[in-house]
Protein backbone atom coordinates (compact mmCIF):
# COMPACT_ATOMS: atom_id res chain seq x y z
CA MET A 1 0.00 0.00 0.00
CA SER A 2 1.43 3.38 -0.97
CA GLU A 3 2.30 5.99 1.65
CA SER A 4 -0.33 8.43 0.28
CA VAL A 5 -3.09 5.93 1.04
CA VAL A 6 -1.88 5.15 4.58
CA GLN A 7 -1.36 8.77 5.59
CA GLU A 8 -4.52 10.33 7.12
CA PRO A 9 -5.57 13.80 5.87
CA PRO A 10 -4.56 16.45 8.42
CA ALA A 11 -8.13 17.82 8.69
CA LYS A 12 -9.73 14.43 9.44
CA PRO A 13 -9.38 14.55 13.25
CA LEU A 14 -10.89 18.04 13.29
CA LEU A 15 -13.84 16.97 11.16
CA ASP A 16 -14.41 13.96 13.39
CA ARG A 17 -14.42 16.14 16.48
CA MET A 18 -16.86 18.58 14.90
CA VAL A 19 -19.21 15.77 13.92
CA ALA A 20 -19.08 14.41 17.48
CA ALA A 21 -19.88 17.89 18.85
CA ARG A 22 -22.72 18.23 16.31
CA GLN A 23 -21.07 21.24 14.73
CA LEU A 24 -21.00 19.41 11.42
CA SER A 25 -23.18 16.77 9.79
CA VAL A 26 -21.74 13.45 8.67
CA THR A 27 -22.65 14.30 5.05
CA ASP A 28 -20.91 17.67 5.13
CA ALA A 29 -17.86 16.15 6.81
CA ALA A 30 -17.59 13.60 4.01
CA VAL A 31 -17.81 16.37 1.39
CA LEU A 32 -15.06 18.40 3.07
CA SER A 33 -12.90 15.33 3.55
CA ARG A 34 -13.13 14.47 -0.16
CA GLN A 35 -12.25 18.05 -1.07
CA ASN A 36 -9.14 17.90 1.12
CA GLU A 37 -8.02 14.52 -0.24
CA SER A 38 -8.54 15.53 -3.86
CA GLY A 39 -7.07 18.98 -3.42
CA ALA A 40 -10.25 20.55 -4.76
CA GLY A 41 -11.05 23.85 -3.14
CA GLN A 42 -9.22 25.31 -0.15
CA ALA A 43 -7.96 22.73 2.37
CA VAL A 44 -9.88 22.80 5.63
CA GLN A 45 -7.45 23.02 8.57
CA GLU A 46 -9.20 25.16 11.17
CA GLU A 47 -12.60 25.16 12.83
CA ALA A 48 -13.17 28.68 11.48
CA ASP A 49 -12.64 27.41 7.92
CA VAL A 50 -15.25 24.71 8.38
CA LEU A 51 -17.77 27.11 9.89
CA LYS A 52 -17.22 29.65 7.08
CA TRP A 53 -17.86 26.88 4.56
CA LEU A 54 -21.05 25.91 6.43
CA ALA A 55 -22.15 29.55 6.45
CA ARG A 56 -21.84 29.68 2.67
CA GLU A 57 -23.53 26.32 2.15
CA TYR A 58 -26.52 27.09 4.41
CA ASP A 59 -26.75 30.84 3.71
CA LEU A 60 -25.87 31.89 7.27
CA ALA A 61 -23.68 34.61 8.69
CA PHE A 62 -20.25 33.95 10.24
CA THR A 63 -18.70 36.22 12.85
CA THR A 64 -15.45 36.32 14.82
CA LEU A 65 -17.29 38.26 17.59
CA ASP A 66 -14.41 40.76 17.65
CA ASP A 67 -16.51 43.69 16.48
CA ILE A 68 -19.89 42.69 17.98
CA GLU A 69 -20.90 43.94 21.41
CA PRO A 70 -23.53 41.54 22.78
CA ASP A 71 -26.60 43.27 24.20
CA ARG A 72 -26.48 42.83 28.00
CA GLU A 73 -30.22 43.42 28.40
CA LEU A 74 -30.89 40.82 25.74
CA LEU A 75 -28.51 38.43 27.47
CA SER A 76 -30.51 38.69 30.69
CA LEU A 77 -33.65 37.35 28.95
CA PHE A 78 -32.13 33.89 28.57
CA PRO A 79 -31.24 31.34 31.29
CA ALA A 80 -27.47 31.34 31.80
CA ARG A 81 -27.57 27.61 32.49
CA ILE A 82 -28.80 26.79 28.97
CA LEU A 83 -26.55 29.36 27.30
CA LEU A 84 -23.47 27.91 28.97
CA LYS A 85 -24.41 24.27 28.48
CA GLU A 86 -25.26 24.67 24.78
CA GLU A 87 -22.64 27.38 24.04
CA LEU A 88 -25.19 29.88 22.75
CA LEU A 89 -24.54 33.62 22.90
CA PRO A 90 -27.37 36.10 22.18
CA LEU A 91 -25.97 38.98 20.13
CA ARG A 92 -28.60 41.52 19.03
CA ARG A 93 -32.13 42.12 17.79
CA LEU A 94 -32.42 42.54 14.04
CA ASN A 95 -35.75 43.00 12.21
CA GLY A 96 -37.71 41.25 14.95
CA THR A 97 -35.26 38.36 15.16
CA VAL A 98 -32.67 37.68 17.84
CA GLU A 99 -29.31 36.58 16.46
CA ILE A 100 -27.69 33.78 18.50
CA ALA A 101 -24.02 32.87 18.02
CA THR A 102 -23.38 29.13 17.94
CA SER A 103 -20.74 26.72 16.72
CA ARG A 104 -23.11 23.73 16.88
CA LEU A 105 -25.24 24.15 13.80
CA PHE A 106 -26.77 20.67 14.01
CA ALA A 107 -27.36 20.60 17.78
CA THR A 108 -30.75 22.30 17.68
CA GLN A 109 -32.07 21.32 21.12
CA GLY A 110 -30.56 24.42 22.73
CA LEU A 111 -32.16 26.87 20.29
CA ASP A 112 -35.45 24.98 20.50
CA ALA A 113 -35.42 25.23 24.31
CA LEU A 114 -34.75 28.97 24.19
CA LYS A 115 -37.52 29.50 21.63
CA SER A 116 -40.08 27.67 23.75
CA MET A 117 -39.05 29.49 26.94
CA THR A 118 -38.96 33.02 25.52
CA GLY A 119 -41.31 32.88 22.53
CA LEU A 120 -38.74 34.85 20.53
CA ASN A 121 -37.78 34.25 16.92
CA LEU A 122 -34.12 33.11 16.96
CA SER A 123 -31.65 33.06 14.10
CA PRO A 124 -28.28 31.22 14.34
CA VAL A 125 -25.01 32.98 13.48
CA LEU A 126 -21.91 30.80 13.26
CA ALA A 127 -18.84 31.50 15.41
CA THR A 128 -15.99 29.35 16.69
CA SER A 129 -16.23 27.61 20.07
CA GLU A 130 -13.19 29.52 21.31
CA ALA A 131 -14.71 32.89 20.43
CA ILE A 132 -18.05 32.03 22.07
CA GLN A 133 -16.38 30.74 25.24
CA ARG A 134 -14.21 33.85 25.39
CA GLU A 135 -17.23 36.14 25.16
CA MET A 136 -19.19 33.99 27.61
CA LYS A 137 -16.49 34.43 30.21
CA LYS A 138 -16.37 38.16 29.56
CA ARG A 139 -20.15 38.68 29.68
CA LEU A 140 -21.29 36.15 32.26
CA GLY A 141 -18.11 36.01 34.35
CA VAL A 142 -15.47 33.44 35.20
CA GLY A 143 -17.01 30.37 36.80
CA ALA A 144 -20.57 31.27 35.80
CA ASP A 145 -21.21 27.69 34.72
CA THR A 146 -20.51 26.42 38.24
CA ILE A 147 -23.72 27.85 39.63
CA GLY A 148 -26.14 24.97 39.10
CA THR A 149 -23.93 23.12 36.62
CA LEU A 150 -21.39 20.60 37.82
CA GLY A 151 -18.71 18.53 36.13
CA GLU A 152 -15.66 16.42 36.65
CA ASP A 153 -12.24 18.06 36.77
CA ALA A 154 -9.81 15.25 37.46
CA THR A 155 -6.76 17.11 36.15
CA PHE A 156 -6.91 19.66 38.98
CA LEU A 157 -5.67 18.39 42.33
CA VAL A 158 -4.71 19.88 45.67
CA VAL A 159 -1.53 18.36 47.00
CA ASP A 160 -2.19 18.11 50.74
CA GLU A 161 1.20 17.74 52.36
CA HIS A 162 -0.44 16.67 55.65
CA HIS A 163 -1.70 13.45 54.06
CA GLU A 164 -0.15 10.79 51.89
CA ASP A 165 -2.65 11.05 49.04
CA ASP A 166 -3.61 13.92 46.78
CA THR A 167 -7.06 15.35 47.38
CA ASP A 168 -9.42 15.67 44.42
CA LEU A 169 -10.99 19.11 44.70
CA ASP A 170 -14.39 17.96 43.41
CA ASN A 171 -14.67 15.46 46.26
CA ALA A 172 -13.07 17.52 49.04
CA ALA A 173 -16.19 19.35 50.24
CA GLU A 174 -19.96 19.10 50.04
CA ASP A 175 -20.82 22.18 47.98
CA ALA A 176 -19.61 21.14 44.54
CA SER A 177 -20.52 24.41 42.80
CA ILE A 178 -18.37 26.48 45.18
CA ILE A 179 -15.53 23.98 44.89
CA ARG A 180 -15.62 24.14 41.12
CA PHE A 181 -15.90 27.92 41.12
CA VAL A 182 -12.70 28.28 43.17
CA ASN A 183 -11.02 25.72 40.88
CA GLN A 184 -11.95 27.74 37.82
CA VAL A 185 -10.71 31.00 39.33
CA LEU A 186 -7.34 29.37 40.09
CA ARG A 187 -7.14 27.76 36.67
CA ASP A 188 -8.12 30.99 34.92
CA ALA A 189 -5.47 32.97 36.82
CA ILE A 190 -2.76 30.45 36.01
CA GLU A 191 -3.66 30.34 32.32
CA LEU A 192 -3.60 34.16 32.18
CA ARG A 193 -0.08 34.25 33.75
CA ALA A 194 -1.36 36.08 36.84
CA SER A 195 1.02 36.49 39.79
CA ASP A 196 -1.73 37.31 42.32
CA ILE A 197 -5.46 36.79 42.79
CA HIS A 198 -7.42 39.37 44.79
CA LEU A 199 -10.85 38.50 46.23
CA GLU A 200 -12.29 41.79 47.49
CA PRO A 201 -15.59 42.23 49.37
CA PHE A 202 -17.56 45.45 48.98
CA GLU A 203 -21.02 46.51 50.11
CA ASP A 204 -22.88 45.41 46.99
CA GLU A 205 -20.38 43.24 45.09
CA PHE A 206 -17.60 40.69 45.44
CA LYS A 207 -14.78 41.62 43.07
CA ILE A 208 -12.10 39.34 41.68
CA ARG A 209 -8.96 40.88 40.23
CA TYR A 210 -5.80 39.33 38.78
CA ARG A 211 -2.37 40.95 38.75
CA ILE A 212 -1.01 40.31 35.27
CA ASP A 213 2.32 41.73 34.13
CA GLY A 214 2.39 43.79 37.32
CA VAL A 215 -0.99 45.46 36.77
CA LEU A 216 -4.25 44.62 38.57
CA GLN A 217 -7.06 43.84 36.14
CA ASP A 218 -10.75 43.25 36.84
CA THR A 219 -12.29 39.98 35.77
CA SER A 220 -15.97 39.51 35.04
CA VAL A 221 -17.85 37.44 37.60
CA PRO A 222 -21.48 36.29 37.82
CA ALA A 223 -23.80 39.01 39.14
CA GLN A 224 -25.07 36.78 41.96
CA LEU A 225 -21.58 36.06 43.30
CA LYS A 226 -21.93 38.42 46.30
CA ARG A 227 -24.24 36.03 48.15
CA PHE A 228 -21.67 33.23 47.78
CA GLN A 229 -18.87 35.38 49.27
CA PRO A 230 -18.64 33.62 52.70
CA ALA A 231 -18.69 30.18 51.09
CA ILE A 232 -15.93 31.10 48.63
CA VAL A 233 -13.69 32.52 51.36
CA SER A 234 -14.36 29.46 53.53
CA ARG A 235 -13.41 27.18 50.64
CA VAL A 236 -10.08 28.99 50.26
CA LYS A 237 -9.52 28.72 54.01
CA ILE A 238 -10.19 24.98 53.95
CA LEU A 239 -7.69 24.50 51.13
CA SER A 240 -5.02 26.51 52.98
CA HIS A 241 -5.64 24.80 56.36
CA LEU A 242 -6.90 27.95 58.09
CA ASN A 243 -9.53 28.32 60.82
CA ILE A 244 -12.82 28.91 59.01
CA ALA A 245 -14.49 29.95 62.28
CA GLU A 246 -12.01 32.82 62.85
CA LYS A 247 -13.30 35.88 61.01
CA ARG A 248 -11.87 38.68 63.17
CA LEU A 249 -8.11 38.18 62.81
CA PRO A 250 -5.77 38.02 59.79
CA GLN A 251 -4.59 34.55 58.80
CA ASP A 252 -1.87 33.25 56.48
CA GLY A 253 -1.82 29.86 54.80
CA ARG A 254 -0.64 27.91 51.82
CA ILE A 255 -2.17 25.80 49.05
CA LYS A 256 -0.26 23.50 46.76
CA ILE A 257 -2.05 22.48 43.59
CA ARG A 258 -1.24 20.37 40.58
CA ILE A 259 -2.81 21.41 37.31
CA ASP A 260 -2.03 19.56 34.09
CA GLU A 261 1.14 18.05 35.61
CA ASN A 262 2.44 21.44 36.75
CA GLU A 263 2.70 22.33 40.43
CA VAL A 264 1.82 25.78 41.74
CA ASP A 265 2.47 26.90 45.30
CA ILE A 266 -0.11 29.46 46.47
CA ARG A 267 0.51 31.73 49.47
CA VAL A 268 -2.79 32.84 50.99
CA SER A 269 -3.45 35.94 53.10
CA VAL A 270 -6.90 36.53 54.63
CA ILE A 271 -7.68 39.88 56.30
CA PRO A 272 -11.04 41.02 57.76
CA MET A 273 -12.40 44.09 55.95
CA LEU A 274 -15.46 46.28 56.47
CA HIS A 275 -17.74 44.11 54.33
CA GLY A 276 -16.19 40.71 54.94
CA GLU A 277 -12.88 38.92 54.62
CA ALA A 278 -10.56 39.82 51.74
CA VAL A 279 -8.22 37.20 50.27
CA VAL A 280 -4.99 37.63 48.32
CA MET A 281 -3.31 34.60 46.77
CA ARG A 282 0.27 34.77 45.45
CA LEU A 283 0.93 32.17 42.74
CA LEU A 284 4.41 30.63 42.68
CA ARG A 285 5.01 28.24 39.80
CA GLN A 286 7.22 25.42 41.09
CA ASN A 287 8.06 23.96 37.68
CA ALA A 288 8.94 27.29 36.11
CA THR A 289 11.93 26.93 33.82
CA LEU A 290 14.81 29.19 34.78
CA ARG A 291 16.42 31.09 31.96
CA GLY A 292 20.16 31.19 31.46
CA MET A 293 22.23 34.31 32.01
CA GLY A 294 22.05 35.06 28.30
CA GLN A 295 18.25 35.20 28.45
CA LEU A 296 18.03 37.78 31.25
CA GLY A 297 18.15 40.52 28.63
CA MET A 298 21.14 42.37 30.07
CA ASP A 299 23.23 44.64 27.90
CA GLU A 300 26.79 43.49 27.20
CA ARG A 301 28.43 45.55 29.96
CA GLU A 302 26.10 44.38 32.71
CA HIS A 303 26.28 40.77 31.50
CA GLN A 304 30.09 40.74 31.58
CA CYS A 305 30.18 42.37 35.04
CA PHE A 306 27.72 39.81 36.40
CA GLN A 307 29.71 36.90 34.96
CA ARG A 308 32.89 38.30 36.52
CA VAL A 309 31.54 38.53 40.08
CA LEU A 310 30.07 35.03 39.85
CA GLN A 311 33.62 33.69 39.70
CA MET A 312 34.71 35.51 42.86
CA PRO A 313 35.61 33.30 45.85
CA HIS A 314 33.96 35.58 48.42
CA GLY A 315 32.07 38.85 48.87
CA ILE A 316 28.49 40.11 48.84
CA ILE A 317 26.43 40.67 45.71
CA LEU A 318 23.14 42.47 46.31
CA VAL A 319 20.11 42.70 44.03
CA THR A 320 17.79 45.58 44.90
CA GLY A 321 14.33 46.69 43.88
CA PRO A 322 10.74 46.76 45.11
CA THR A 323 8.59 43.69 45.68
CA GLY A 324 7.76 41.93 42.42
CA SER A 325 10.67 43.34 40.41
CA GLY A 326 12.20 39.96 39.58
CA LYS A 327 15.08 40.00 42.08
CA THR A 328 14.69 36.35 43.11
CA SER A 329 14.50 35.16 39.51
CA THR A 330 17.75 36.96 38.71
CA LEU A 331 19.50 35.48 41.74
CA TYR A 332 18.32 31.97 40.91
CA THR A 333 19.56 32.39 37.37
CA ALA A 334 22.95 33.34 38.82
CA LEU A 335 22.94 30.32 41.16
CA SER A 336 22.07 27.94 38.32
CA GLU A 337 25.03 29.37 36.40
CA ILE A 338 27.53 28.40 39.14
CA ASN A 339 25.76 25.29 40.39
CA ASP A 340 28.28 22.48 39.87
CA ALA A 341 29.75 19.48 41.66
CA VAL A 342 32.59 21.40 43.36
CA ARG A 343 30.46 24.04 45.10
CA LYS A 344 28.07 23.64 48.01
CA ILE A 345 25.22 26.11 47.68
CA ILE A 346 22.75 26.72 50.52
CA THR A 347 19.80 29.10 50.41
CA ILE A 348 17.48 30.43 53.11
CA GLU A 349 14.31 32.01 51.78
CA ASP A 350 10.77 33.05 52.62
CA PRO A 351 9.23 31.52 50.59
CA VAL A 352 11.25 29.09 48.46
CA GLU A 353 10.08 30.18 45.01
CA TYR A 354 12.10 27.81 42.83
CA GLN A 355 13.51 24.37 43.49
CA LEU A 356 17.01 23.92 42.13
CA LYS A 357 18.50 20.47 41.76
CA GLY A 358 21.73 20.14 43.74
CA VAL A 359 21.03 23.24 45.87
CA ASN A 360 20.25 22.92 49.59
CA GLN A 361 17.23 25.14 50.32
CA ILE A 362 15.85 26.22 53.70
CA GLN A 363 12.35 27.59 54.24
CA VAL A 364 12.07 30.32 56.89
CA SER A 365 9.47 29.56 59.55
CA GLU A 366 8.82 32.45 61.93
CA LYS A 367 6.29 30.40 63.91
CA ALA A 368 8.86 27.68 64.56
CA GLY A 369 11.54 30.23 65.39
CA LEU A 370 13.58 29.67 62.20
CA THR A 371 14.42 33.24 61.20
CA PHE A 372 16.88 34.44 58.57
CA ALA A 373 19.47 35.23 61.25
CA ARG A 374 19.10 31.92 63.10
CA GLY A 375 19.13 29.89 59.92
CA LEU A 376 22.13 31.80 58.60
CA ARG A 377 24.19 30.97 61.71
CA SER A 378 23.42 27.28 61.20
CA ILE A 379 24.24 27.47 57.49
CA LEU A 380 27.76 28.64 58.28
CA ARG A 381 28.36 25.36 60.14
CA HIS A 382 27.47 23.36 57.03
CA ASP A 383 30.64 24.29 55.14
CA PRO A 384 28.97 26.19 52.25
CA ASP A 385 30.79 27.86 49.37
CA VAL A 386 27.84 29.98 48.22
CA ILE A 387 24.97 31.33 50.35
CA LEU A 388 21.73 32.91 49.15
CA ILE A 389 19.80 34.95 51.72
CA GLY A 390 16.28 35.67 50.52
CA GLU A 391 16.29 39.17 51.98
CA ILE A 392 18.36 41.23 54.40
CA ARG A 393 15.66 42.58 56.69
CA ASP A 394 17.44 43.59 59.88
CA GLN A 395 20.79 44.45 61.44
CA GLU A 396 21.46 40.92 62.72
CA THR A 397 21.01 39.35 59.30
CA ALA A 398 23.14 42.08 57.69
CA GLN A 399 25.94 41.58 60.23
CA ILE A 400 26.02 37.81 59.76
CA ALA A 401 25.98 38.19 55.96
CA VAL A 402 28.97 40.54 56.11
CA GLN A 403 30.87 38.22 58.44
CA ALA A 404 30.10 35.26 56.17
CA SER A 405 31.56 37.09 53.17
CA LEU A 406 34.66 38.07 55.12
CA THR A 407 35.26 34.45 56.14
CA GLY A 408 35.44 33.19 52.57
CA HIS A 409 31.86 32.76 51.37
CA LEU A 410 30.18 34.18 48.30
CA VAL A 411 26.90 35.70 49.55
CA PHE A 412 23.90 36.69 47.43
CA SER A 413 20.95 38.59 48.85
CA THR A 414 18.25 41.15 48.12
CA LEU A 415 17.50 44.54 49.61
CA HIS A 416 14.62 46.97 49.17
CA THR A 417 16.16 50.18 47.85
CA ASN A 418 15.28 52.45 44.93
CA ASP A 419 18.64 52.13 43.17
CA ALA A 420 22.05 50.49 43.41
CA PRO A 421 23.91 53.27 45.31
CA GLY A 422 21.14 53.35 47.92
CA ALA A 423 22.02 49.78 48.99
CA LEU A 424 25.34 50.93 50.45
CA THR A 425 23.84 53.62 52.65
CA ARG A 426 21.00 51.26 53.63
CA LEU A 427 23.46 48.74 55.05
CA VAL A 428 25.17 51.51 57.05
CA ASP A 429 21.77 52.72 58.29
CA MET A 430 21.04 49.16 59.44
CA GLY A 431 24.03 49.36 61.75
CA VAL A 432 26.79 47.72 59.70
CA GLU A 433 30.08 49.59 60.11
CA PRO A 434 31.13 51.46 56.93
CA TYR A 435 34.52 49.72 56.87
CA LEU A 436 32.78 46.32 56.87
CA VAL A 437 30.51 47.37 54.00
CA ALA A 438 33.50 48.70 52.05
CA SER A 439 35.50 45.50 52.50
CA SER A 440 32.71 42.98 51.84
CA LEU A 441 30.38 44.42 49.19
CA GLU A 442 31.50 43.58 45.65
CA ALA A 443 28.60 44.76 43.50
CA VAL A 444 24.97 45.90 43.55
CA LEU A 445 22.41 45.24 40.83
CA ALA A 446 19.20 47.28 40.84
CA GLN A 447 16.37 46.16 38.59
CA ARG A 448 12.78 46.84 37.60
CA LEU A 449 10.30 45.13 35.32
CA VAL A 450 8.69 46.95 32.40
CA ARG A 451 5.85 45.55 30.34
CA VAL A 452 6.71 44.28 26.86
CA LEU A 453 4.77 45.59 23.89
CA CYS A 454 2.39 43.14 22.26
CA ASN A 455 3.89 42.13 18.91
CA GLU A 456 0.44 41.66 17.41
CA CYS A 457 -0.74 45.25 17.81
CA LYS A 458 2.13 47.63 18.62
CA GLN A 459 2.44 50.58 16.25
CA PRO A 460 5.17 53.17 15.55
CA ASP A 461 4.83 56.32 17.64
CA THR A 462 5.15 59.22 15.23
CA SER A 463 3.71 61.90 17.51
CA LEU A 464 5.48 65.22 18.04
CA ALA A 465 5.86 64.38 21.74
CA ALA A 466 7.70 61.17 20.84
CA GLN A 467 10.05 63.01 18.47
CA ALA A 468 10.82 65.62 21.13
CA PHE A 469 11.40 62.97 23.77
CA LYS A 470 13.81 61.08 21.50
CA ALA A 471 15.90 64.23 21.12
CA GLN A 472 15.94 64.87 24.84
CA VAL A 473 17.01 61.39 25.93
CA GLY A 474 19.54 60.91 23.14
CA ILE A 475 17.63 58.47 20.94
CA PRO A 476 18.49 59.04 17.24
CA ALA A 477 15.68 60.73 15.32
CA SER A 478 15.75 57.94 12.71
CA THR A 479 15.02 55.28 15.36
CA THR A 480 11.46 54.00 15.36
CA ILE A 481 9.87 53.80 18.78
CA PHE A 482 6.51 52.19 19.39
CA ARG A 483 3.31 52.79 21.31
CA SER A 484 0.84 50.34 22.81
CA VAL A 485 -2.53 49.79 21.12
CA GLY A 486 -4.39 46.74 22.44
CA CYS A 487 -5.87 43.68 20.78
CA GLN A 488 -7.46 40.35 21.57
CA GLU A 489 -4.08 38.64 22.07
CA CYS A 490 -3.08 41.00 24.90
CA ARG A 491 -6.66 41.50 26.19
CA GLN A 492 -6.67 45.13 25.07
CA THR A 493 -3.73 46.12 27.31
CA GLY A 494 -1.17 46.60 24.54
CA PHE A 495 1.39 44.52 26.46
CA PHE A 496 2.25 40.85 26.82
CA GLY A 497 4.92 39.78 29.30
CA ARG A 498 7.63 41.76 31.09
CA HIS A 499 11.34 42.52 30.62
CA ALA A 500 13.88 43.62 33.21
CA ILE A 501 15.93 46.81 33.13
CA PHE A 502 19.16 46.87 35.12
CA GLU A 503 21.55 49.21 36.93
CA TRP A 504 24.92 47.63 37.75
CA MET A 505 27.34 49.25 40.22
CA ASP A 506 30.77 47.79 41.01
CA SER A 507 32.48 48.57 44.30
CA ASP A 508 35.75 49.98 42.96
CA ASP A 509 38.40 51.79 45.01
CA GLU A 510 36.67 55.17 44.68
CA ILE A 511 33.32 53.76 45.82
CA ARG A 512 34.97 52.06 48.81
CA ARG A 513 36.67 55.33 49.76
CA LEU A 514 33.34 57.14 49.68
CA ILE A 515 31.70 54.43 51.81
CA LEU A 516 34.38 54.90 54.45
CA LYS A 517 33.58 58.63 54.44
CA ASN A 518 29.90 57.74 55.02
CA VAL A 519 28.74 60.08 52.22
CA SER A 520 25.22 60.26 50.82
CA SER A 521 23.93 57.95 48.11
CA ASP A 522 23.82 60.90 45.65
CA VAL A 523 27.61 61.33 45.93
CA ILE A 524 28.12 57.57 45.46
CA ARG A 525 25.79 57.61 42.46
CA ASP A 526 27.73 60.41 40.76
CA ALA A 527 31.01 58.53 41.29
CA ALA A 528 29.49 55.30 39.96
CA ARG A 529 28.17 57.04 36.85
CA HIS A 530 31.61 58.56 36.30
CA ALA A 531 33.01 55.00 36.43
CA GLY A 532 30.57 53.80 33.77
CA MET A 533 27.38 52.85 35.62
CA ARG A 534 24.21 53.26 33.58
CA THR A 535 21.02 54.07 35.45
CA LEU A 536 17.74 52.19 35.24
CA ALA A 537 16.41 54.92 32.96
CA ASP A 538 19.45 54.55 30.66
CA ASP A 539 18.74 50.85 30.30
CA GLY A 540 15.05 51.60 29.83
CA TRP A 541 15.79 53.84 26.86
CA ARG A 542 17.78 50.94 25.38
CA LEU A 543 14.61 48.83 25.39
CA VAL A 544 12.62 51.72 23.92
CA ARG A 545 15.14 51.95 21.05
CA MET A 546 14.82 48.19 20.51
CA GLY A 547 11.03 48.45 20.25
CA ILE A 548 10.53 46.25 23.32
CA THR A 549 8.67 48.74 25.53
CA THR A 550 7.35 52.29 25.60
CA VAL A 551 8.55 55.59 27.02
CA GLU A 552 5.58 55.57 29.42
CA GLU A 553 6.57 52.19 30.85
CA VAL A 554 10.12 53.31 31.59
CA LEU A 555 8.85 56.51 33.21
CA SER A 556 6.44 54.48 35.36
CA VAL A 557 9.21 52.45 37.04
CA THR A 558 12.07 54.96 37.25
CA THR A 559 12.41 58.07 39.39
CA ALA A 560 12.42 61.66 38.15
CA LYS A 561 16.08 61.98 39.18
CA GLU A 562 17.11 59.02 37.02
CA VAL A 563 15.22 60.37 34.02
CA ALA A 564 16.66 63.86 34.51
CA ARG A 565 20.20 62.49 34.43
CA THR A 566 19.61 60.81 31.07
CA THR A 567 18.24 63.91 29.34
CA LYS A 568 20.22 66.62 27.62
CA ILE A 569 18.38 69.37 29.47
CA ASP A 570 19.75 70.33 32.86
CA GLU A 571 17.17 72.89 33.85
CA PRO A 572 14.36 71.54 36.03
CA GLY A 573 11.82 73.16 33.77
CA GLY A 574 13.39 71.66 30.68
CA MET A 575 12.14 68.16 31.25
CA PRO A 576 9.54 67.12 28.71
CA LYS A 577 6.14 66.26 30.01
CA ALA A 578 5.82 62.50 29.89
CA PRO A 579 3.01 61.17 27.74
CA ALA A 580 0.09 59.94 29.82
CA PRO A 581 0.13 56.16 30.26
CA PRO A 582 -2.59 54.27 28.42
CA PRO A 583 -5.73 53.62 30.49
CA LEU A 584 -5.85 50.25 32.17
CA PRO A 585 -8.61 47.89 31.09
CA THR A 586 -11.66 47.88 33.30
CA ARG A 587 -12.70 44.46 32.16
CA HIS A 588 -10.88 41.18 31.75
CA GLN A 589 -10.34 40.39 28.07
CA PRO A 590 -9.92 36.60 27.85
């Protein structure tokens, strides 16, 4: 038998699936299959292609739903249960007929049920399942199908570390709709790359917001969700092993879930508010793949400096920046670079965000008395070569870190300061003697995260303000810079993902001399810039020139002082007025 006979047409599985879902009749599937095999007509490879063909064959309309705003009042006339079950989306009234989007042309029971219940004349309009589900989530809210509709979800498990077996969420509590709603919120947040989930109670609504790419965004929820607020919060408490009867005091817990073979560690914080308990969940992806040093996005100078200090036998390397600026990811990338058989690496963190093979990791436990300082003293008795301290929070931890570096250990840690020079004065303010800082600190890396422009919709910024700004920050006039627009791919934000900007400062002889004099961070910054340090704003303009981000994004994460130093205008009044940042979306765009 020849190979052409054995090989199955690429569209066959799709056609089979559409027949099974009653999107396509057996007769039409056979016609399309013959067309594909014979090469007659355009090959059918996507669901949209099949539905467009059906629209032509049966004289129906096809829509992508991108430019149609479903009528909310019309939507309220139909039972959500049937709409969700049958994947039917009412669109608009037209000449006495209500148009209903569907991908299931031959599954007529849903339309028949709606006709009998409402007495309206309904007309089907074809749209893909993905488009209908996307609009359903946007109009009816995430988890709307859980209210009164149940289903199995065996791929979503809670890993209960207090028991030997995993707990199936659908069997873990009595109220299956609430269980499944919480499951769907968690799944939705993970699929949308959210770092945090906020459940916020107000007088007349229960809001759910996701932090995506550093920005909080509303998500649509069912209108009746407010009355399920206590049950939802209680479900989260049960999962995180908290006291569901305690509603007056803040509580902290942890959930570990497995979704599609990936593990996610969730840190839960519950705080009583005026109208009920608010919940914030931080999502930490345990199986996240660490990038190599080359993928951090550093410019050549910063990359070479970082590689150099990684080979040092001892000293302190600090990474500074606010919460959520990617400090831990950068440090773990550095550790993975030097993680080999001849080094013993020990970390102490709160929490352990990544698990590195071959690295000994300690989880801080304040309740058990295991603090950074106490754990660090014990680490020094385990003969380490490299130590990672999750954060230097107090004088005791700072003192032990300095002593560890002076006794032959390479120490990495983080600090909350606005820029690299500020880390030196912060250590002195904590109570570390200037001569100890000068002799132990090798380098400081400050970093921020800026949102990356969506490649699908970004457009060149040809405005007069952009041209003026390019001249003032030293970007060549011929360089094309871009602005954010917004599309379906990025959920109308104009951005997709984030990229770090860096500020690297080496502790050279001049910097050490200034530390011993206990001068201000401004004096240290000027000396560092004279020695070649580029500020966060400098690095931000590099990304603007490369078309990775926008001027507004760089301005949003850098200080006025940093921006002023990168411009060619010294007068305070000479700074250009920054373009207003684009408005944040008020609705979740799936």
